[in-house]
Amino acid sequence: MDIESFREYCLSLPGTTEGMKWDHLCFMIEEKIFVILAIDDGNRFSTKCTPEEFDELTARDGIKQAYHLAKRQWVQVENLDVLNDVELKKRVERSRELVLAKLPKKVQAKYI
């Protein structure tokens, strides 16, 4: 998937906004980040995951612990080609689900 298709997909998810933080493009729901993308650094990106998913994901080439983010709760993917399109979309959706689940129930209800 190319960067523009990735961006369009992220923005197609209900309630998603984008913005720049720390010189990275971030995709957010209710101002909570679920994808951080380093556009100027080979399209490396990070997503939220569970500790169980962390072990499975980091066992793969091109995926490791995300720097400066909660240990075993965020992974960094080397570039958009590490995962195929289906896996990439599922990874983004799962990250968004995990972030949304931490928001108040009334807020969650807007996106179900």
C-alpha atoms as a PDB file:
ATOM      1  CA  MET A   1       0.000   0.000   0.000  1.00  0.00           C
ATOM      2  CA  ASP A   2       1.370   3.435  -0.831  1.00  0.00           C
ATOM      3  CA  ILE A   3       1.372   6.345   1.615  1.00  0.00           C
ATOM      4  CA  GLU A   4      -1.602   8.133   0.062  1.00  0.00           C
ATOM      5  CA  SER A   5      -3.763   4.988   0.095  1.00  0.00           C
ATOM      6  CA  PHE A   6      -2.730   4.390   3.707  1.00  0.00           C
ATOM      7  CA  ARG A   7      -3.703   7.956   4.628  1.00  0.00           C
ATOM      8  CA  GLU A   8      -7.046   7.664   2.827  1.00  0.00           C
ATOM      9  CA  TYR A   9      -7.797   4.377   4.571  1.00  0.00           C
ATOM     10  CA  CYS A  10      -7.038   5.787   8.028  1.00  0.00           C
ATOM     11  CA  LEU A  11      -9.209   8.838   7.362  1.00  0.00           C
ATOM     12  CA  SER A  12     -12.059   6.618   6.118  1.00  0.00           C
ATOM     13  CA  LEU A  13     -12.523   5.181   9.623  1.00  0.00           C
ATOM     14  CA  PRO A  14     -15.366   6.947  11.491  1.00  0.00           C
ATOM     15  CA  GLY A  15     -14.257   9.865  13.646  1.00  0.00           C
ATOM     16  CA  THR A  16     -10.648   9.826  12.448  1.00  0.00           C
ATOM     17  CA  THR A  17      -8.740  13.083  12.247  1.00  0.00           C
ATOM     18  CA  GLU A  18      -5.137  13.738  11.321  1.00  0.00           C
ATOM     19  CA  GLY A  19      -2.545  16.115  12.647  1.00  0.00           C
ATOM     20  CA  MET A  20       1.170  16.631  13.097  1.00  0.00           C
ATOM     21  CA  LYS A  21       2.890  15.875  16.417  1.00  0.00           C
ATOM     22  CA  TRP A  22       6.608  15.501  17.020  1.00  0.00           C
ATOM     23  CA  ASP A  23       7.204  15.937  13.251  1.00  0.00           C
ATOM     24  CA  HIS A  24       5.070  12.849  12.555  1.00  0.00           C
ATOM     25  CA  LEU A  25       1.679  12.477  10.904  1.00  0.00           C
ATOM     26  CA  CYS A  26      -0.787  11.162  13.484  1.00  0.00           C
ATOM     27  CA  PHE A  27      -4.208   9.631  12.995  1.00  0.00           C
ATOM     28  CA  MET A  28      -6.502  10.117  15.964  1.00  0.00           C
ATOM     29  CA  ILE A  29      -9.941   9.452  17.318  1.00  0.00           C
ATOM     30  CA  GLU A  30     -11.211  12.036  19.811  1.00  0.00           C
ATOM     31  CA  GLU A  31      -7.676  13.498  19.859  1.00  0.00           C
ATOM     32  CA  LYS A  32      -6.198  10.141  20.974  1.00  0.00           C
ATOM     33  CA  ILE A  33      -3.518   8.790  18.641  1.00  0.00           C
ATOM     34  CA  PHE A  34      -3.910   5.336  17.146  1.00  0.00           C
ATOM     35  CA  VAL A  35      -1.303   5.583  14.328  1.00  0.00           C
ATOM     36  CA  ILE A  36       1.922   7.593  14.262  1.00  0.00           C
ATOM     37  CA  LEU A  37       3.590   7.794  10.842  1.00  0.00           C
ATOM     38  CA  ALA A  38       7.134   9.041  10.157  1.00  0.00           C
ATOM     39  CA  ILE A  39       6.645  10.364   6.626  1.00  0.00           C
ATOM     40  CA  ASP A  40      10.210  11.631   6.234  1.00  0.00           C
ATOM     41  CA  ASP A  41      11.770   8.421   7.515  1.00  0.00           C
ATOM     42  CA  GLY A  42      10.740   5.674   5.112  1.00  0.00           C
ATOM     43  CA  ASN A  43       7.076   5.644   6.187  1.00  0.00           C
ATOM     44  CA  ARG A  44       7.855   3.908   9.471  1.00  0.00           C
ATOM     45  CA  PHE A  45       4.733   3.821  11.627  1.00  0.00           C
ATOM     46  CA  SER A  46       3.564   2.760  15.081  1.00  0.00           C
ATOM     47  CA  THR A  47       0.262   1.299  16.265  1.00  0.00           C
ATOM     48  CA  LYS A  48      -1.205   0.292  19.593  1.00  0.00           C
ATOM     49  CA  CYS A  49      -1.468  -3.418  20.454  1.00  0.00           C
ATOM     50  CA  THR A  50      -2.154  -5.701  23.406  1.00  0.00           C
ATOM     51  CA  PRO A  51       0.755  -7.392  25.234  1.00  0.00           C
ATOM     52  CA  GLU A  52      -0.342 -10.689  23.665  1.00  0.00           C
ATOM     53  CA  GLU A  53      -0.329  -9.198  20.162  1.00  0.00           C
ATOM     54  CA  PHE A  54       3.023  -7.570  20.921  1.00  0.00           C
ATOM     55  CA  ASP A  55       4.822 -10.919  21.186  1.00  0.00           C
ATOM     56  CA  GLU A  56       3.293 -12.199  17.962  1.00  0.00           C
ATOM     57  CA  LEU A  57       3.987  -8.997  16.052  1.00  0.00           C
ATOM     58  CA  THR A  58       7.560  -8.442  17.231  1.00  0.00           C
ATOM     59  CA  ALA A  59       8.465 -12.021  16.255  1.00  0.00           C
ATOM     60  CA  ARG A  60       8.109 -10.860  12.641  1.00  0.00           C
ATOM     61  CA  ASP A  61      10.861  -9.186  10.639  1.00  0.00           C
ATOM     62  CA  GLY A  62      10.415  -5.417  10.387  1.00  0.00           C
ATOM     63  CA  ILE A  63       8.344  -5.026  13.579  1.00  0.00           C
ATOM     64  CA  LYS A  64       9.709  -4.032  16.998  1.00  0.00           C
ATOM     65  CA  GLN A  65       8.875  -2.162  20.210  1.00  0.00           C
ATOM     66  CA  ALA A  66       7.941   1.443  19.394  1.00  0.00           C
ATOM     67  CA  TYR A  67      10.331   4.013  20.841  1.00  0.00           C
ATOM     68  CA  HIS A  68       9.085   6.333  23.577  1.00  0.00           C
ATOM     69  CA  LEU A  69       5.691   4.643  23.806  1.00  0.00           C
ATOM     70  CA  ALA A  70       4.170   2.303  26.407  1.00  0.00           C
ATOM     71  CA  LYS A  71       6.249  -0.864  26.636  1.00  0.00           C
ATOM     72  CA  ARG A  72       4.608  -3.911  25.023  1.00  0.00           C
ATOM     73  CA  GLN A  73       1.583  -1.788  24.060  1.00  0.00           C
ATOM     74  CA  TRP A  74       2.889  -0.133  20.887  1.00  0.00           C
ATOM     75  CA  VAL A  75       4.786  -1.624  17.970  1.00  0.00           C
ATOM     76  CA  GLN A  76       6.797   0.098  15.282  1.00  0.00           C
ATOM     77  CA  VAL A  77       6.543  -1.250  11.745  1.00  0.00           C
ATOM     78  CA  GLU A  78       9.578  -0.529   9.565  1.00  0.00           C
ATOM     79  CA  ASN A  79       7.528   0.537   6.522  1.00  0.00           C
ATOM     80  CA  LEU A  80       4.190   0.045   4.784  1.00  0.00           C
ATOM     81  CA  ASP A  81       5.499  -3.006   2.881  1.00  0.00           C
ATOM     82  CA  VAL A  82       6.141  -5.143   5.999  1.00  0.00           C
ATOM     83  CA  LEU A  83       2.432  -6.050   6.158  1.00  0.00           C
ATOM     84  CA  ASN A  84       0.210  -6.874   3.197  1.00  0.00           C
ATOM     85  CA  ASP A  85      -2.795  -4.601   2.597  1.00  0.00           C
ATOM     86  CA  VAL A  86      -5.236  -6.807   4.532  1.00  0.00           C
ATOM     87  CA  GLU A  87      -2.886  -7.119   7.532  1.00  0.00           C
ATOM     88  CA  LEU A  88      -2.155  -3.401   7.421  1.00  0.00           C
ATOM     89  CA  LYS A  89      -5.839  -2.486   7.517  1.00  0.00           C
ATOM     90  CA  LYS A  90      -6.493  -4.958  10.351  1.00  0.00           C
ATOM     91  CA  ARG A  91      -3.540  -3.552  12.320  1.00  0.00           C
ATOM     92  CA  VAL A  92      -4.877   0.014  11.960  1.00  0.00           C
ATOM     93  CA  GLU A  93      -8.427  -1.068  12.865  1.00  0.00           C
ATOM     94  CA  ARG A  94      -7.194  -2.984  15.919  1.00  0.00           C
ATOM     95  CA  SER A  95      -5.125  -0.028  17.117  1.00  0.00           C
ATOM     96  CA  ARG A  96      -8.146   2.251  16.732  1.00  0.00           C
ATOM     97  CA  GLU A  97     -10.340  -0.249  18.660  1.00  0.00           C
ATOM     98  CA  LEU A  98      -7.865  -0.353  21.554  1.00  0.00           C
ATOM     99  CA  VAL A  99      -7.693   3.434  21.775  1.00  0.00           C
ATOM    100  CA  LEU A 100     -11.465   3.813  21.474  1.00  0.00           C
ATOM    101  CA  ALA A 101     -12.003   1.239  24.251  1.00  0.00           C
ATOM    102  CA  LYS A 102     -10.183   3.548  26.693  1.00  0.00           C
ATOM    103  CA  LEU A 103     -12.554   6.447  26.029  1.00  0.00           C
ATOM    104  CA  PRO A 104     -15.765   7.070  28.009  1.00  0.00           C
ATOM    105  CA  LYS A 105     -18.742   4.869  27.077  1.00  0.00           C
ATOM    106  CA  LYS A 106     -20.716   7.860  25.746  1.00  0.00           C
ATOM    107  CA  VAL A 107     -17.879   8.700  23.370  1.00  0.00           C
ATOM    108  CA  GLN A 108     -17.519   5.064  22.288  1.00  0.00           C
ATOM    109  CA  ALA A 109     -21.249   4.912  21.504  1.00  0.00           C
ATOM    110  CA  LYS A 110     -20.793   7.585  18.800  1.00  0.00           C
ATOM    111  CA  TYR A 111     -18.591   5.216  16.780  1.00  0.00           C
ATOM    112  CA  ILE A 112     -20.336   1.856  17.198  1.00  0.00           C
END
